[in-house]
Amino acid sequence: MKKKQLRLFAFIAMIALLVLSACNSDSAGKDTGKTEEDYKFLSILTGGTQGTYYPLGGSFADYITEATGVKTTAEVSQASAANMTALQDGEADIAFVQTDIAYYASKGELMFAGEVIDNVSAIGSLYPETVQLITLEKNGIKTYADLKGKKVSVGAPGSGTYANAEQLLEIHGLTMDDIKPQSLDFGESQESLQAGQIDAAFITAGTPTGAVEGLNAVASVFVVPVEDAKADELIEKYPYYAKEVIPAGTYGMANETSAVSVGAMLVIQNDVPEDLGYDITKAIYDNASKLQHAKGKLIKAEKGLDGIGIPVHPGAQKYFDEVNKK
């Protein structure tokens, strides 16, 4: 009797393992029984309304709706890290995310420690996102050393800005314990700087950033530079950063400012069918030149795979393969 029970348990266990294996073997764009026609709505997670993701997301949603007939909307969110988690949980279909944060999620590192997100793949890269340390001229903060003891916004909870702030502070010999960190989104940072409630704010976004432009309309803005040697040190330790220059005239500044950047990219649920993934990618990159935002001119299909550190959705890959053949 016991032998029969053991055989039965072994058989059940084997079947369970086979089922789990089959479930886990689904890859990006693999046929899950759904087609483009099965999708009636799509949502794109962006960021705060004062950042760069939100206005671009609204335009992308319009392009996708027009090209596919699938009603697509842009949603306000807490940005990169929160967006990855939301896609993992099936709360949205597409999202903006920093390239470094997507990489951490795929490896289960830093804010994703012990939690690998593997049901999300890349649509493509978009443009550099500048890590901006914003303050006001009247605050007298000119270097990172001046941040000691100051109230500094380090980004909304679940945002990639926090990781950028922590790493830049580290390179300059500081930690979060050396400042008074405030968890604010871009709009809240703008309002708090204007009201004198904080002294500086980290904002990782494409320049010019709406929140900073709004702030500069009422007070003189200063962007704390990252010295060349410090940028080299940062890139050596965290190679997904790149050197960046904020042009003179941005936010009314007389001189250009040295900075660093990460990349902005779009990600998508793996189970979105290949044909729909292709149409979404084509709608975005074929229409990017129409964007009114300054970052529109940087979004090019031939650079769509630059800096991608996670698997690419097969629909997107098909599009880029076609572009590269031309």
C-alpha atoms as a PDB file:
ATOM      1  CA  MET A   1       0.000   0.000   0.000  1.00  0.00           C
ATOM      2  CA  LYS A   2       2.785   2.371   0.923  1.00  0.00           C
ATOM      3  CA  LYS A   3       4.610   1.655  -2.343  1.00  0.00           C
ATOM      4  CA  LYS A   4       1.467   2.463  -4.339  1.00  0.00           C
ATOM      5  CA  GLN A   5       1.042   5.738  -2.419  1.00  0.00           C
ATOM      6  CA  LEU A   6       4.654   6.672  -3.053  1.00  0.00           C
ATOM      7  CA  ARG A   7       4.276   5.954  -6.772  1.00  0.00           C
ATOM      8  CA  LEU A   8       1.092   8.065  -6.851  1.00  0.00           C
ATOM      9  CA  PHE A   9       2.787  10.974  -5.056  1.00  0.00           C
ATOM     10  CA  ALA A  10       5.779  10.732  -7.380  1.00  0.00           C
ATOM     11  CA  PHE A  11       3.497  10.768 -10.435  1.00  0.00           C
ATOM     12  CA  ILE A  12       1.568  13.814  -9.135  1.00  0.00           C
ATOM     13  CA  ALA A  13       4.824  15.634  -8.363  1.00  0.00           C
ATOM     14  CA  MET A  14       6.148  14.915 -11.859  1.00  0.00           C
ATOM     15  CA  ILE A  15       2.975  16.283 -13.475  1.00  0.00           C
ATOM     16  CA  ALA A  16       3.146  19.403 -11.296  1.00  0.00           C
ATOM     17  CA  LEU A  17       6.747  20.022 -12.314  1.00  0.00           C
ATOM     18  CA  LEU A  18       5.881  19.619 -15.989  1.00  0.00           C
ATOM     19  CA  VAL A  19       3.037  22.132 -15.674  1.00  0.00           C
ATOM     20  CA  LEU A  20       5.230  24.649 -13.867  1.00  0.00           C
ATOM     21  CA  SER A  21       7.974  24.189 -16.438  1.00  0.00           C
ATOM     22  CA  ALA A  22       5.534  24.828 -19.260  1.00  0.00           C
ATOM     23  CA  CYS A  23       4.251  27.984 -17.568  1.00  0.00           C
ATOM     24  CA  ASN A  24       7.723  29.340 -16.939  1.00  0.00           C
ATOM     25  CA  SER A  25       8.959  28.627 -20.467  1.00  0.00           C
ATOM     26  CA  ASP A  26       6.817  31.363 -22.028  1.00  0.00           C
ATOM     27  CA  SER A  27       9.132  33.965 -23.532  1.00  0.00           C
ATOM     28  CA  ALA A  28       8.509  37.478 -24.792  1.00  0.00           C
ATOM     29  CA  GLY A  29       5.951  37.524 -27.558  1.00  0.00           C
ATOM     30  CA  LYS A  30       5.390  33.761 -27.501  1.00  0.00           C
ATOM     31  CA  ASP A  31       1.959  32.688 -28.707  1.00  0.00           C
ATOM     32  CA  THR A  32      -0.303  32.751 -25.655  1.00  0.00           C
ATOM     33  CA  GLY A  33      -3.492  32.410 -27.649  1.00  0.00           C
ATOM     34  CA  LYS A  34      -4.087  36.164 -27.821  1.00  0.00           C
ATOM     35  CA  THR A  35      -3.809  38.229 -30.972  1.00  0.00           C
ATOM     36  CA  GLU A  36      -3.753  41.940 -31.647  1.00  0.00           C
ATOM     37  CA  GLU A  37      -7.515  41.813 -32.213  1.00  0.00           C
ATOM     38  CA  ASP A  38      -8.013  40.586 -28.639  1.00  0.00           C
ATOM     39  CA  TYR A  39      -6.656  43.849 -27.200  1.00  0.00           C
ATOM     40  CA  LYS A  40      -9.224  46.619 -26.744  1.00  0.00           C
ATOM     41  CA  PHE A  41      -7.200  48.855 -24.412  1.00  0.00           C
ATOM     42  CA  LEU A  42      -3.524  49.490 -23.636  1.00  0.00           C
ATOM     43  CA  SER A  43      -2.044  51.625 -20.871  1.00  0.00           C
ATOM     44  CA  ILE A  44       1.365  53.334 -20.801  1.00  0.00           C
ATOM     45  CA  LEU A  45       2.812  54.115 -17.372  1.00  0.00           C
ATOM     46  CA  THR A  46       4.831  57.346 -17.457  1.00  0.00           C
ATOM     47  CA  GLY A  47       5.872  59.395 -14.409  1.00  0.00           C
ATOM     48  CA  GLY A  48       4.780  62.645 -12.754  1.00  0.00           C
ATOM     49  CA  THR A  49       3.007  65.294 -14.794  1.00  0.00           C
ATOM     50  CA  GLN A  50       5.975  67.678 -14.490  1.00  0.00           C
ATOM     51  CA  GLY A  51       8.534  65.269 -15.945  1.00  0.00           C
ATOM     52  CA  THR A  52       9.384  64.256 -19.511  1.00  0.00           C
ATOM     53  CA  TYR A  53       7.734  60.819 -19.547  1.00  0.00           C
ATOM     54  CA  TYR A  54       4.173  62.104 -19.190  1.00  0.00           C
ATOM     55  CA  PRO A  55       3.959  64.433 -22.231  1.00  0.00           C
ATOM     56  CA  LEU A  56       5.827  61.931 -24.409  1.00  0.00           C
ATOM     57  CA  GLY A  57       3.570  59.143 -23.177  1.00  0.00           C
ATOM     58  CA  GLY A  58       0.483  61.075 -24.228  1.00  0.00           C
ATOM     59  CA  SER A  59       1.849  61.473 -27.756  1.00  0.00           C
ATOM     60  CA  PHE A  60       2.900  57.818 -27.958  1.00  0.00           C
ATOM     61  CA  ALA A  61      -0.560  56.747 -26.827  1.00  0.00           C
ATOM     62  CA  ASP A  62      -2.116  58.760 -29.663  1.00  0.00           C
ATOM     63  CA  TYR A  63       0.275  57.254 -32.227  1.00  0.00           C
ATOM     64  CA  ILE A  64      -0.458  53.700 -31.050  1.00  0.00           C
ATOM     65  CA  THR A  65      -4.213  54.264 -31.004  1.00  0.00           C
ATOM     66  CA  GLU A  66      -4.167  55.642 -34.550  1.00  0.00           C
ATOM     67  CA  ALA A  67      -1.883  52.909 -35.914  1.00  0.00           C
ATOM     68  CA  THR A  68      -3.427  49.860 -34.232  1.00  0.00           C
ATOM     69  CA  GLY A  69      -6.996  50.841 -33.418  1.00  0.00           C
ATOM     70  CA  VAL A  70      -6.330  49.760 -29.817  1.00  0.00           C
ATOM     71  CA  LYS A  71      -7.365  52.566 -27.457  1.00  0.00           C
ATOM     72  CA  THR A  72      -4.186  53.541 -25.609  1.00  0.00           C
ATOM     73  CA  THR A  73      -3.857  55.953 -22.683  1.00  0.00           C
ATOM     74  CA  ALA A  74      -0.928  57.451 -20.777  1.00  0.00           C
ATOM     75  CA  GLU A  75      -1.107  57.066 -17.002  1.00  0.00           C
ATOM     76  CA  VAL A  76       0.586  59.115 -14.271  1.00  0.00           C
ATOM     77  CA  SER A  77       2.844  56.961 -12.085  1.00  0.00           C
ATOM     78  CA  GLN A  78       5.731  56.981  -9.624  1.00  0.00           C
ATOM     79  CA  ALA A  79       8.151  56.320 -12.514  1.00  0.00           C
ATOM     80  CA  SER A  80      10.860  53.760 -13.222  1.00  0.00           C
ATOM     81  CA  ALA A  81      11.064  51.242 -10.370  1.00  0.00           C
ATOM     82  CA  ALA A  82       7.352  51.421  -9.628  1.00  0.00           C
ATOM     83  CA  ASN A  83       6.613  51.002 -13.338  1.00  0.00           C
ATOM     84  CA  MET A  84       8.629  47.785 -13.516  1.00  0.00           C
ATOM     85  CA  THR A  85       6.764  46.384 -10.526  1.00  0.00           C
ATOM     86  CA  ALA A  86       3.411  47.388 -12.013  1.00  0.00           C
ATOM     87  CA  LEU A  87       4.177  45.558 -15.266  1.00  0.00           C
ATOM     88  CA  GLN A  88       5.310  42.537 -13.288  1.00  0.00           C
ATOM     89  CA  ASP A  89       1.934  42.567 -11.516  1.00  0.00           C
ATOM     90  CA  GLY A  90      -0.005  42.956 -14.770  1.00  0.00           C
ATOM     91  CA  GLU A  91      -1.301  46.427 -13.898  1.00  0.00           C
ATOM     92  CA  ALA A  92      -0.250  47.945 -17.243  1.00  0.00           C
ATOM     93  CA  ASP A  93       1.055  46.941 -20.662  1.00  0.00           C
ATOM     94  CA  ILE A  94       3.812  49.429 -21.506  1.00  0.00           C
ATOM     95  CA  ALA A  95       5.995  51.689 -19.373  1.00  0.00           C
ATOM     96  CA  PHE A  96       8.774  54.232 -19.416  1.00  0.00           C
ATOM     97  CA  VAL A  97      11.803  53.248 -17.365  1.00  0.00           C
ATOM     98  CA  GLN A  98      15.438  54.195 -16.968  1.00  0.00           C
ATOM     99  CA  THR A  99      17.843  51.723 -18.560  1.00  0.00           C
ATOM    100  CA  ASP A 100      19.706  51.235 -15.268  1.00  0.00           C
ATOM    101  CA  ILE A 101      16.495  50.446 -13.376  1.00  0.00           C
ATOM    102  CA  ALA A 102      15.359  47.941 -16.017  1.00  0.00           C
ATOM    103  CA  TYR A 103      18.728  46.224 -15.670  1.00  0.00           C
ATOM    104  CA  TYR A 104      18.466  46.056 -11.854  1.00  0.00           C
ATOM    105  CA  ALA A 105      14.970  44.574 -12.171  1.00  0.00           C
ATOM    106  CA  SER A 106      16.117  41.898 -14.612  1.00  0.00           C
ATOM    107  CA  LYS A 107      18.913  40.874 -12.219  1.00  0.00           C
ATOM    108  CA  GLY A 108      17.085  41.281  -8.910  1.00  0.00           C
ATOM    109  CA  GLU A 109      19.565  43.885  -7.671  1.00  0.00           C
ATOM    110  CA  LEU A 110      19.423  47.029  -5.497  1.00  0.00           C
ATOM    111  CA  MET A 111      15.771  48.031  -4.972  1.00  0.00           C
ATOM    112  CA  PHE A 112      14.724  44.705  -6.562  1.00  0.00           C
ATOM    113  CA  ALA A 113      16.996  42.583  -4.352  1.00  0.00           C
ATOM    114  CA  GLY A 114      15.751  38.998  -4.345  1.00  0.00           C
ATOM    115  CA  GLU A 115      12.921  39.748  -6.789  1.00  0.00           C
ATOM    116  CA  VAL A 116      13.845  39.202 -10.433  1.00  0.00           C
ATOM    117  CA  ILE A 117      11.372  40.702 -12.911  1.00  0.00           C
ATOM    118  CA  ASP A 118      11.481  38.499 -16.003  1.00  0.00           C
ATOM    119  CA  ASN A 119       8.061  39.012 -17.593  1.00  0.00           C
ATOM    120  CA  VAL A 120       9.021  42.372 -19.118  1.00  0.00           C
ATOM    121  CA  SER A 121      11.049  43.029 -22.273  1.00  0.00           C
ATOM    122  CA  ALA A 122      12.301  46.082 -24.154  1.00  0.00           C
ATOM    123  CA  ILE A 123      10.561  48.025 -26.880  1.00  0.00           C
ATOM    124  CA  GLY A 124      13.573  50.285 -27.353  1.00  0.00           C
ATOM    125  CA  SER A 125      15.739  53.104 -26.058  1.00  0.00           C
ATOM    126  CA  LEU A 126      14.649  56.713 -26.427  1.00  0.00           C
ATOM    127  CA  TYR A 127      17.018  59.477 -25.284  1.00  0.00           C
ATOM    128  CA  PRO A 128      19.513  60.408 -22.533  1.00  0.00           C
ATOM    129  CA  GLU A 129      18.021  61.303 -19.146  1.00  0.00           C
ATOM    130  CA  THR A 130      20.144  63.868 -17.380  1.00  0.00           C
ATOM    131  CA  VAL A 131      20.666  63.555 -13.630  1.00  0.00           C
ATOM    132  CA  GLN A 132      20.117  67.156 -12.578  1.00  0.00           C
ATOM    133  CA  LEU A 133      20.887  68.511  -9.102  1.00  0.00           C
ATOM    134  CA  ILE A 134      18.687  71.593  -9.024  1.00  0.00           C
ATOM    135  CA  THR A 135      18.845  74.465  -6.572  1.00  0.00           C
ATOM    136  CA  LEU A 136      18.245  78.214  -6.602  1.00  0.00           C
ATOM    137  CA  GLU A 137      20.987  80.799  -7.080  1.00  0.00           C
ATOM    138  CA  LYS A 138      20.031  82.439  -3.782  1.00  0.00           C
ATOM    139  CA  ASN A 139      20.601  79.201  -1.845  1.00  0.00           C
ATOM    140  CA  GLY A 140      24.357  79.408  -2.390  1.00  0.00           C
ATOM    141  CA  ILE A 141      24.800  75.701  -3.193  1.00  0.00           C
ATOM    142  CA  LYS A 142      27.503  75.423  -5.852  1.00  0.00           C
ATOM    143  CA  THR A 143      29.041  71.989  -5.210  1.00  0.00           C
ATOM    144  CA  TYR A 144      28.023  68.604  -3.830  1.00  0.00           C
ATOM    145  CA  ALA A 145      29.975  69.369  -0.658  1.00  0.00           C
ATOM    146  CA  ASP A 146      27.534  72.220  -0.017  1.00  0.00           C
ATOM    147  CA  LEU A 147      24.704  69.681   0.388  1.00  0.00           C
ATOM    148  CA  LYS A 148      25.820  68.612   3.868  1.00  0.00           C
ATOM    149  CA  GLY A 149      23.025  69.136   6.363  1.00  0.00           C
ATOM    150  CA  LYS A 150      20.658  70.438   3.671  1.00  0.00           C
ATOM    151  CA  LYS A 151      17.124  69.334   2.842  1.00  0.00           C
ATOM    152  CA  VAL A 152      17.384  67.595  -0.524  1.00  0.00           C
ATOM    153  CA  SER A 153      14.665  65.923  -2.573  1.00  0.00           C
ATOM    154  CA  VAL A 154      15.967  62.526  -3.707  1.00  0.00           C
ATOM    155  CA  GLY A 155      12.979  61.467  -5.781  1.00  0.00           C
ATOM    156  CA  ALA A 156       9.609  59.880  -5.285  1.00  0.00           C
ATOM    157  CA  PRO A 157       9.413  56.438  -3.660  1.00  0.00           C
ATOM    158  CA  GLY A 158       9.932  53.781  -6.327  1.00  0.00           C
ATOM    159  CA  SER A 159      11.689  56.134  -8.716  1.00  0.00           C
ATOM    160  CA  GLY A 160      15.055  55.692 -10.411  1.00  0.00           C
ATOM    161  CA  THR A 161      16.030  59.158  -9.224  1.00  0.00           C
ATOM    162  CA  TYR A 162      16.720  57.832  -5.726  1.00  0.00           C
ATOM    163  CA  ALA A 163      19.324  55.364  -7.024  1.00  0.00           C
ATOM    164  CA  ASN A 164      20.960  58.120  -9.088  1.00  0.00           C
ATOM    165  CA  ALA A 165      21.043  60.455  -6.086  1.00  0.00           C
ATOM    166  CA  GLU A 166      22.574  57.794  -3.859  1.00  0.00           C
ATOM    167  CA  GLN A 167      25.298  56.943  -6.398  1.00  0.00           C
ATOM    168  CA  LEU A 168      26.222  60.560  -7.114  1.00  0.00           C
ATOM    169  CA  LEU A 169      26.388  61.336  -3.408  1.00  0.00           C
ATOM    170  CA  GLU A 170      28.618  58.284  -2.953  1.00  0.00           C
ATOM    171  CA  ILE A 171      31.079  59.430  -5.624  1.00  0.00           C
ATOM    172  CA  HIS A 172      31.294  62.786  -3.877  1.00  0.00           C
ATOM    173  CA  GLY A 173      32.019  61.195  -0.487  1.00  0.00           C
ATOM    174  CA  LEU A 174      28.509  61.640   0.891  1.00  0.00           C
ATOM    175  CA  THR A 175      25.631  59.394   1.936  1.00  0.00           C
ATOM    176  CA  MET A 176      21.953  59.940   2.610  1.00  0.00           C
ATOM    177  CA  ASP A 177      22.912  60.383   6.286  1.00  0.00           C
ATOM    178  CA  ASP A 178      24.862  63.530   5.388  1.00  0.00           C
ATOM    179  CA  ILE A 179      21.753  65.254   4.054  1.00  0.00           C
ATOM    180  CA  LYS A 180      18.116  65.531   5.078  1.00  0.00           C
ATOM    181  CA  PRO A 181      16.518  63.471   2.282  1.00  0.00           C
ATOM    182  CA  GLN A 182      12.995  64.303   1.153  1.00  0.00           C
ATOM    183  CA  SER A 183      10.967  61.873  -0.989  1.00  0.00           C
ATOM    184  CA  LEU A 184       9.273  64.216  -3.445  1.00  0.00           C
ATOM    185  CA  ASP A 185       8.264  63.913  -7.078  1.00  0.00           C
ATOM    186  CA  PHE A 186       9.280  66.521  -9.638  1.00  0.00           C
ATOM    187  CA  GLY A 187       6.234  68.743  -9.151  1.00  0.00           C
ATOM    188  CA  GLU A 188       6.560  68.627  -5.374  1.00  0.00           C
ATOM    189  CA  SER A 189      10.274  69.421  -5.660  1.00  0.00           C
ATOM    190  CA  GLN A 190       9.470  72.475  -7.763  1.00  0.00           C
ATOM    191  CA  GLU A 191       6.907  73.733  -5.268  1.00  0.00           C
ATOM    192  CA  SER A 192       9.114  73.027  -2.242  1.00  0.00           C
ATOM    193  CA  LEU A 193      12.155  74.772  -3.734  1.00  0.00           C
ATOM    194  CA  GLN A 194      10.010  77.755  -4.641  1.00  0.00           C
ATOM    195  CA  ALA A 195       8.579  77.900  -1.127  1.00  0.00           C
ATOM    196  CA  GLY A 196      11.985  77.537   0.528  1.00  0.00           C
ATOM    197  CA  GLN A 197      11.023  74.243   2.165  1.00  0.00           C
ATOM    198  CA  ILE A 198      13.982  72.367   0.627  1.00  0.00           C
ATOM    199  CA  ASP A 199      17.400  73.481  -0.522  1.00  0.00           C
ATOM    200  CA  ALA A 200      17.994  71.293  -3.588  1.00  0.00           C
ATOM    201  CA  ALA A 201      16.450  68.481  -5.605  1.00  0.00           C
ATOM    202  CA  PHE A 202      17.660  65.596  -7.739  1.00  0.00           C
ATOM    203  CA  ILE A 203      15.653  65.329 -10.956  1.00  0.00           C
ATOM    204  CA  THR A 204      16.454  62.640 -13.509  1.00  0.00           C
ATOM    205  CA  ALA A 205      14.683  63.535 -16.736  1.00  0.00           C
ATOM    206  CA  GLY A 206      15.236  64.714 -20.265  1.00  0.00           C
ATOM    207  CA  THR A 207      16.187  68.364 -20.453  1.00  0.00           C
ATOM    208  CA  PRO A 208      14.557  70.769 -20.524  1.00  0.00           C
ATOM    209  CA  THR A 209      12.335  69.406 -17.740  1.00  0.00           C
ATOM    210  CA  GLY A 210       8.936  71.025 -17.249  1.00  0.00           C
ATOM    211  CA  ALA A 211       9.214  71.239 -13.470  1.00  0.00           C
ATOM    212  CA  VAL A 212      12.564  73.040 -13.668  1.00  0.00           C
ATOM    213  CA  GLU A 213      11.336  75.386 -16.393  1.00  0.00           C
ATOM    214  CA  GLY A 214       8.364  76.224 -14.189  1.00  0.00           C
ATOM    215  CA  LEU A 215      10.679  76.935 -11.273  1.00  0.00           C
ATOM    216  CA  ASN A 216      12.958  79.108 -13.394  1.00  0.00           C
ATOM    217  CA  ALA A 217       9.958  81.221 -14.380  1.00  0.00           C
ATOM    218  CA  VAL A 218       9.735  82.539 -10.806  1.00  0.00           C
ATOM    219  CA  ALA A 219      13.318  82.228  -9.492  1.00  0.00           C
ATOM    220  CA  SER A 220      16.856  81.894 -10.866  1.00  0.00           C
ATOM    221  CA  VAL A 221      17.789  78.221 -11.140  1.00  0.00           C
ATOM    222  CA  PHE A 222      21.280  76.784 -10.687  1.00  0.00           C
ATOM    223  CA  VAL A 223      22.296  73.262 -11.735  1.00  0.00           C
ATOM    224  CA  VAL A 224      25.171  71.903  -9.647  1.00  0.00           C
ATOM    225  CA  PRO A 225      27.802  70.554 -12.077  1.00  0.00           C
ATOM    226  CA  VAL A 226      29.484  67.146 -11.982  1.00  0.00           C
ATOM    227  CA  GLU A 227      33.217  67.652 -12.444  1.00  0.00           C
ATOM    228  CA  ASP A 228      34.847  65.639 -15.218  1.00  0.00           C
ATOM    229  CA  ALA A 229      36.979  63.558 -12.845  1.00  0.00           C
ATOM    230  CA  LYS A 230      33.956  62.681 -10.742  1.00  0.00           C
ATOM    231  CA  ALA A 231      32.003  61.703 -13.854  1.00  0.00           C
ATOM    232  CA  ASP A 232      34.847  59.372 -14.848  1.00  0.00           C
ATOM    233  CA  GLU A 233      34.837  57.838 -11.374  1.00  0.00           C
ATOM    234  CA  LEU A 234      31.074  57.329 -11.499  1.00  0.00           C
ATOM    235  CA  ILE A 235      31.153  55.725 -14.956  1.00  0.00           C
ATOM    236  CA  GLU A 236      34.001  53.400 -13.960  1.00  0.00           C
ATOM    237  CA  LYS A 237      31.912  52.023 -11.083  1.00  0.00           C
ATOM    238  CA  TYR A 238      28.487  52.261 -12.760  1.00  0.00           C
ATOM    239  CA  PRO A 239      29.056  51.885 -16.528  1.00  0.00           C
ATOM    240  CA  TYR A 240      25.433  52.598 -17.524  1.00  0.00           C
ATOM    241  CA  TYR A 241      26.104  56.314 -16.920  1.00  0.00           C
ATOM    242  CA  ALA A 242      27.402  58.633 -19.636  1.00  0.00           C
ATOM    243  CA  LYS A 243      28.785  62.157 -19.644  1.00  0.00           C
ATOM    244  CA  GLU A 244      26.293  64.819 -20.586  1.00  0.00           C
ATOM    245  CA  VAL A 245      26.335  68.571 -21.153  1.00  0.00           C
ATOM    246  CA  ILE A 246      23.338  70.773 -20.389  1.00  0.00           C
ATOM    247  CA  PRO A 247      23.517  73.483 -23.085  1.00  0.00           C
ATOM    248  CA  ALA A 248      23.852  77.160 -22.264  1.00  0.00           C
ATOM    249  CA  GLY A 249      20.455  78.832 -22.308  1.00  0.00           C
ATOM    250  CA  THR A 250      18.711  75.894 -20.662  1.00  0.00           C
ATOM    251  CA  TYR A 251      16.721  77.244 -17.701  1.00  0.00           C
ATOM    252  CA  GLY A 252      18.163  80.659 -18.514  1.00  0.00           C
ATOM    253  CA  MET A 253      21.710  79.632 -17.556  1.00  0.00           C
ATOM    254  CA  ALA A 254      24.466  81.648 -19.220  1.00  0.00           C
ATOM    255  CA  ASN A 255      26.951  78.765 -19.419  1.00  0.00           C
ATOM    256  CA  GLU A 256      26.784  75.080 -20.276  1.00  0.00           C
ATOM    257  CA  THR A 257      26.848  72.689 -17.333  1.00  0.00           C
ATOM    258  CA  SER A 258      28.608  69.332 -17.130  1.00  0.00           C
ATOM    259  CA  ALA A 259      26.417  66.480 -15.926  1.00  0.00           C
ATOM    260  CA  VAL A 260      25.842  62.738 -16.279  1.00  0.00           C
ATOM    261  CA  SER A 261      22.949  60.795 -17.738  1.00  0.00           C
ATOM    262  CA  VAL A 262      21.300  57.398 -17.943  1.00  0.00           C
ATOM    263  CA  GLY A 263      19.013  56.281 -20.752  1.00  0.00           C
ATOM    264  CA  ALA A 264      15.247  56.397 -21.062  1.00  0.00           C
ATOM    265  CA  MET A 265      13.567  53.376 -22.624  1.00  0.00           C
ATOM    266  CA  LEU A 266      10.186  51.752 -23.125  1.00  0.00           C
ATOM    267  CA  VAL A 267       9.334  48.283 -21.850  1.00  0.00           C
ATOM    268  CA  ILE A 268       6.374  46.004 -22.525  1.00  0.00           C
ATOM    269  CA  GLN A 269       4.706  42.918 -21.112  1.00  0.00           C
ATOM    270  CA  ASN A 270       6.213  39.735 -22.562  1.00  0.00           C
ATOM    271  CA  ASP A 271       2.806  38.243 -23.345  1.00  0.00           C
ATOM    272  CA  VAL A 272       1.866  41.046 -25.754  1.00  0.00           C
ATOM    273  CA  PRO A 273       1.708  39.230 -29.132  1.00  0.00           C
ATOM    274  CA  GLU A 274       4.541  39.727 -31.585  1.00  0.00           C
ATOM    275  CA  ASP A 275       2.335  41.404 -34.193  1.00  0.00           C
ATOM    276  CA  LEU A 276       1.020  43.961 -31.705  1.00  0.00           C
ATOM    277  CA  GLY A 277       4.531  44.550 -30.313  1.00  0.00           C
ATOM    278  CA  TYR A 278       5.719  45.227 -33.856  1.00  0.00           C
ATOM    279  CA  ASP A 279       2.886  47.685 -34.570  1.00  0.00           C
ATOM    280  CA  ILE A 280       3.447  49.501 -31.257  1.00  0.00           C
ATOM    281  CA  THR A 281       7.168  49.885 -31.929  1.00  0.00           C
ATOM    282  CA  LYS A 282       6.589  51.056 -35.495  1.00  0.00           C
ATOM    283  CA  ALA A 283       3.959  53.581 -34.384  1.00  0.00           C
ATOM    284  CA  ILE A 284       6.362  55.119 -31.859  1.00  0.00           C
ATOM    285  CA  TYR A 285       9.559  55.308 -33.894  1.00  0.00           C
ATOM    286  CA  ASP A 286       7.973  56.163 -37.244  1.00  0.00           C
ATOM    287  CA  ASN A 287       6.230  59.149 -35.649  1.00  0.00           C
ATOM    288  CA  ALA A 288       8.911  60.341 -33.214  1.00  0.00           C
ATOM    289  CA  SER A 289       9.956  63.160 -35.553  1.00  0.00           C
ATOM    290  CA  LYS A 290       6.495  64.708 -35.077  1.00  0.00           C
ATOM    291  CA  LEU A 291       6.986  65.176 -31.327  1.00  0.00           C
ATOM    292  CA  GLN A 292       6.846  68.762 -30.118  1.00  0.00           C
ATOM    293  CA  HIS A 293       9.073  68.036 -27.109  1.00  0.00           C
ATOM    294  CA  ALA A 294      12.783  68.814 -27.510  1.00  0.00           C
ATOM    295  CA  LYS A 295      13.646  65.145 -26.896  1.00  0.00           C
ATOM    296  CA  GLY A 296      11.714  64.105 -29.995  1.00  0.00           C
ATOM    297  CA  LYS A 297      14.674  64.783 -32.278  1.00  0.00           C
ATOM    298  CA  LEU A 298      16.790  62.317 -30.267  1.00  0.00           C
ATOM    299  CA  ILE A 299      14.398  59.375 -30.631  1.00  0.00           C
ATOM    300  CA  LYS A 300      15.591  57.517 -33.715  1.00  0.00           C
ATOM    301  CA  ALA A 301      14.918  53.957 -34.863  1.00  0.00           C
ATOM    302  CA  GLU A 302      18.570  53.397 -35.770  1.00  0.00           C
ATOM    303  CA  LYS A 303      19.462  54.001 -32.103  1.00  0.00           C
ATOM    304  CA  GLY A 304      16.554  52.050 -30.688  1.00  0.00           C
ATOM    305  CA  LEU A 305      18.683  49.175 -29.408  1.00  0.00           C
ATOM    306  CA  ASP A 306      21.465  51.315 -27.901  1.00  0.00           C
ATOM    307  CA  GLY A 307      22.058  50.738 -24.202  1.00  0.00           C
ATOM    308  CA  ILE A 308      19.413  48.012 -23.861  1.00  0.00           C
ATOM    309  CA  GLY A 309      20.403  45.676 -21.035  1.00  0.00           C
ATOM    310  CA  ILE A 310      17.351  43.390 -21.043  1.00  0.00           C
ATOM    311  CA  PRO A 311      15.818  41.076 -23.683  1.00  0.00           C
ATOM    312  CA  VAL A 312      14.053  42.796 -26.581  1.00  0.00           C
ATOM    313  CA  HIS A 313      10.425  41.944 -27.392  1.00  0.00           C
ATOM    314  CA  PRO A 314      10.359  39.955 -30.668  1.00  0.00           C
ATOM    315  CA  GLY A 315       7.883  42.391 -32.211  1.00  0.00           C
ATOM    316  CA  ALA A 316      10.259  45.270 -31.515  1.00  0.00           C
ATOM    317  CA  GLN A 317      13.218  43.220 -32.738  1.00  0.00           C
ATOM    318  CA  LYS A 318      11.398  42.528 -35.998  1.00  0.00           C
ATOM    319  CA  TYR A 319      10.847  46.253 -36.512  1.00  0.00           C
ATOM    320  CA  PHE A 320      14.476  47.173 -35.818  1.00  0.00           C
ATOM    321  CA  ASP A 321      15.713  44.353 -38.078  1.00  0.00           C
ATOM    322  CA  GLU A 322      13.653  45.836 -40.904  1.00  0.00           C
ATOM    323  CA  VAL A 323      14.967  49.325 -40.223  1.00  0.00           C
ATOM    324  CA  ASN A 324      18.582  48.165 -40.203  1.00  0.00           C
ATOM    325  CA  LYS A 325      18.136  46.398 -43.579  1.00  0.00           C
ATOM    326  CA  LYS A 326      17.125  49.607 -45.309  1.00  0.00           C
END
